[in-house]
């Protein structure tokens, strides 16, 4: 991800994952990228981030 502003995007995605707990990480990222006009090419990195955050949330809930 880009150096400038990437922490803001990652922090935003992490917070939204905690709030919405998406069932489909790829669709969640696709909608996020579309809504906030994130440059193309970041979908895979953001999807991995969402999957990682979901795994952390599921681990802490159990």
N, C-alpha and C. Protein backbone atom coordinates (compact mmCIF):
# COMPACT_ATOMS: atom_id res chain seq x y z
N UNK A 1 0.84 -1.17 0.00
CA UNK A 1 0.00 0.00 0.00
C UNK A 1 0.88 1.23 0.00
N UNK A 2 0.32 2.32 -0.41
CA UNK A 2 1.07 3.57 -0.49
C UNK A 2 1.50 4.02 0.90
N UNK A 3 2.65 4.66 0.95
CA UNK A 3 3.20 5.08 2.24
C UNK A 3 2.36 6.20 2.85
N UNK A 4 2.01 7.19 2.06
CA UNK A 4 1.26 8.33 2.59
C UNK A 4 -0.23 8.00 2.66
N UNK A 5 -0.78 8.08 3.83
CA UNK A 5 -2.20 7.86 4.02
C UNK A 5 -2.61 6.41 4.16
N UNK A 6 -1.67 5.49 3.98
CA UNK A 6 -2.06 4.08 4.04
C UNK A 6 -2.50 3.69 5.44
N UNK A 7 -1.91 4.29 6.45
CA UNK A 7 -2.33 3.98 7.82
C UNK A 7 -3.76 4.42 8.05
N UNK A 8 -4.16 5.53 7.46
CA UNK A 8 -5.53 6.00 7.62
C UNK A 8 -6.51 5.02 6.99
N UNK A 9 -6.17 4.51 5.82
CA UNK A 9 -7.05 3.55 5.14
C UNK A 9 -7.11 2.26 5.93
N UNK A 10 -5.95 1.76 6.35
CA UNK A 10 -5.92 0.52 7.12
C UNK A 10 -6.69 0.66 8.43
N UNK A 11 -6.50 1.77 9.12
CA UNK A 11 -7.22 2.00 10.38
C UNK A 11 -8.72 2.07 10.15
N UNK A 12 -9.12 2.71 9.07
CA UNK A 12 -10.53 2.82 8.74
C UNK A 12 -11.13 1.45 8.46
N UNK A 13 -10.41 0.64 7.68
CA UNK A 13 -10.89 -0.70 7.36
C UNK A 13 -10.99 -1.54 8.63
N UNK A 14 -9.98 -1.47 9.48
CA UNK A 14 -10.02 -2.24 10.73
C UNK A 14 -11.23 -1.85 11.58
N UNK A 15 -11.49 -0.56 11.69
CA UNK A 15 -12.62 -0.09 12.49
C UNK A 15 -13.95 -0.55 11.88
N UNK A 16 -14.07 -0.47 10.57
CA UNK A 16 -15.30 -0.91 9.92
C UNK A 16 -15.51 -2.42 10.06
N UNK A 17 -14.43 -3.17 10.04
CA UNK A 17 -14.55 -4.62 10.24
C UNK A 17 -15.06 -4.91 11.64
N UNK A 18 -14.55 -4.19 12.64
CA UNK A 18 -15.02 -4.40 14.02
C UNK A 18 -16.48 -4.03 14.16
N UNK A 19 -16.91 -3.00 13.44
CA UNK A 19 -18.30 -2.55 13.55
C UNK A 19 -19.25 -3.48 12.80
N UNK A 20 -18.94 -3.77 11.53
CA UNK A 20 -19.87 -4.49 10.67
C UNK A 20 -19.68 -6.00 10.65
N UNK A 21 -18.49 -6.49 10.98
CA UNK A 21 -18.20 -7.93 10.93
C UNK A 21 -18.73 -8.57 9.66
N UNK A 22 -18.14 -8.21 8.52
CA UNK A 22 -18.66 -8.69 7.23
C UNK A 22 -18.56 -10.20 7.07
N UNK A 23 -19.54 -10.77 6.40
CA UNK A 23 -19.54 -12.21 6.14
C UNK A 23 -18.64 -12.54 4.96
N UNK A 24 -18.55 -11.63 4.01
CA UNK A 24 -17.75 -11.86 2.80
C UNK A 24 -16.69 -10.75 2.70
N UNK A 25 -15.45 -11.04 3.08
CA UNK A 25 -14.40 -10.01 3.06
C UNK A 25 -14.17 -9.40 1.69
N UNK A 26 -14.19 -10.22 0.63
CA UNK A 26 -13.93 -9.70 -0.72
C UNK A 26 -15.00 -8.70 -1.15
N UNK A 27 -16.27 -9.01 -0.89
CA UNK A 27 -17.36 -8.09 -1.24
C UNK A 27 -17.28 -6.82 -0.40
N UNK A 28 -16.95 -6.97 0.87
CA UNK A 28 -16.81 -5.82 1.76
C UNK A 28 -15.74 -4.87 1.23
N UNK A 29 -14.58 -5.42 0.84
CA UNK A 29 -13.49 -4.59 0.32
C UNK A 29 -13.88 -3.96 -1.01
N UNK A 30 -14.54 -4.71 -1.85
CA UNK A 30 -14.96 -4.19 -3.15
C UNK A 30 -15.89 -2.99 -2.97
N UNK A 31 -16.85 -3.10 -2.06
CA UNK A 31 -17.76 -2.00 -1.77
C UNK A 31 -17.02 -0.81 -1.15
N UNK A 32 -16.07 -1.09 -0.26
CA UNK A 32 -15.28 -0.05 0.39
C UNK A 32 -14.46 0.73 -0.63
N UNK A 33 -13.78 0.01 -1.52
CA UNK A 33 -12.95 0.64 -2.55
C UNK A 33 -13.80 1.49 -3.47
N UNK A 34 -14.96 0.99 -3.82
CA UNK A 34 -15.87 1.72 -4.71
C UNK A 34 -16.41 2.98 -4.03
N UNK A 35 -16.84 2.84 -2.78
CA UNK A 35 -17.46 3.95 -2.07
C UNK A 35 -16.47 5.07 -1.77
N UNK A 36 -15.26 4.71 -1.35
CA UNK A 36 -14.28 5.72 -0.94
C UNK A 36 -13.24 6.02 -2.01
N UNK A 37 -13.45 5.46 -3.20
CA UNK A 37 -12.59 5.73 -4.37
C UNK A 37 -11.12 5.51 -4.08
N UNK A 38 -10.82 4.35 -3.53
CA UNK A 38 -9.45 3.94 -3.27
C UNK A 38 -8.85 3.51 -4.61
N UNK A 39 -7.63 3.91 -4.93
CA UNK A 39 -7.03 3.52 -6.21
C UNK A 39 -6.98 2.00 -6.38
N UNK A 40 -7.13 1.56 -7.62
CA UNK A 40 -7.12 0.14 -7.92
C UNK A 40 -5.80 -0.51 -7.54
N UNK A 41 -5.84 -1.80 -7.35
CA UNK A 41 -4.64 -2.53 -7.00
C UNK A 41 -4.48 -2.80 -5.52
N UNK A 42 -5.31 -2.21 -4.70
CA UNK A 42 -5.21 -2.39 -3.25
C UNK A 42 -6.20 -3.42 -2.72
N UNK A 43 -7.06 -3.93 -3.60
CA UNK A 43 -8.10 -4.85 -3.14
C UNK A 43 -7.53 -6.08 -2.44
N UNK A 44 -6.49 -6.67 -3.02
CA UNK A 44 -5.93 -7.88 -2.42
C UNK A 44 -5.34 -7.61 -1.04
N UNK A 45 -4.61 -6.51 -0.93
CA UNK A 45 -4.00 -6.17 0.36
C UNK A 45 -5.08 -5.88 1.40
N UNK A 46 -6.10 -5.16 1.00
CA UNK A 46 -7.18 -4.84 1.94
C UNK A 46 -7.99 -6.09 2.30
N UNK A 47 -8.18 -6.98 1.33
CA UNK A 47 -8.90 -8.22 1.61
C UNK A 47 -8.15 -9.06 2.63
N UNK A 48 -6.82 -9.15 2.48
CA UNK A 48 -6.01 -9.88 3.46
C UNK A 48 -6.12 -9.23 4.83
N UNK A 49 -6.12 -7.91 4.87
CA UNK A 49 -6.26 -7.19 6.13
C UNK A 49 -7.62 -7.50 6.79
N UNK A 50 -8.68 -7.49 6.00
CA UNK A 50 -10.02 -7.79 6.52
C UNK A 50 -10.08 -9.22 7.04
N UNK A 51 -9.52 -10.15 6.27
CA UNK A 51 -9.53 -11.55 6.71
C UNK A 51 -8.74 -11.72 8.01
N UNK A 52 -7.61 -11.03 8.13
CA UNK A 52 -6.80 -11.09 9.34
C UNK A 52 -7.56 -10.51 10.53
N UNK A 53 -8.20 -9.37 10.33
CA UNK A 53 -8.97 -8.75 11.42
C UNK A 53 -10.15 -9.62 11.83
N UNK A 54 -10.82 -10.26 10.86
CA UNK A 54 -11.93 -11.15 11.18
C UNK A 54 -11.44 -12.35 11.99
N UNK A 55 -10.28 -12.87 11.63
CA UNK A 55 -9.71 -13.99 12.37
C UNK A 55 -9.40 -13.58 13.81
N UNK A 56 -8.86 -12.37 13.99
CA UNK A 56 -8.57 -11.88 15.33
C UNK A 56 -9.86 -11.73 16.14
N UNK A 57 -10.90 -11.21 15.51
CA UNK A 57 -12.17 -11.03 16.22
C UNK A 57 -12.79 -12.37 16.59
N UNK A 58 -12.73 -13.33 15.68
CA UNK A 58 -13.29 -14.65 15.97
C UNK A 58 -12.50 -15.35 17.06
N UNK A 59 -11.21 -15.12 17.09
CA UNK A 59 -10.36 -15.72 18.12
C UNK A 59 -10.62 -15.14 19.49
N UNK A 60 -10.91 -13.84 19.54
CA UNK A 60 -11.13 -13.20 20.83
C UNK A 60 -12.53 -13.46 21.37
N UNK A 61 -13.47 -13.78 20.49
CA UNK A 61 -14.85 -14.03 20.91
C UNK A 61 -14.96 -15.40 21.55
N UNK A 62 -14.24 -16.38 21.02
CA UNK A 62 -14.37 -17.76 21.51
C UNK A 62 -13.92 -17.92 22.92
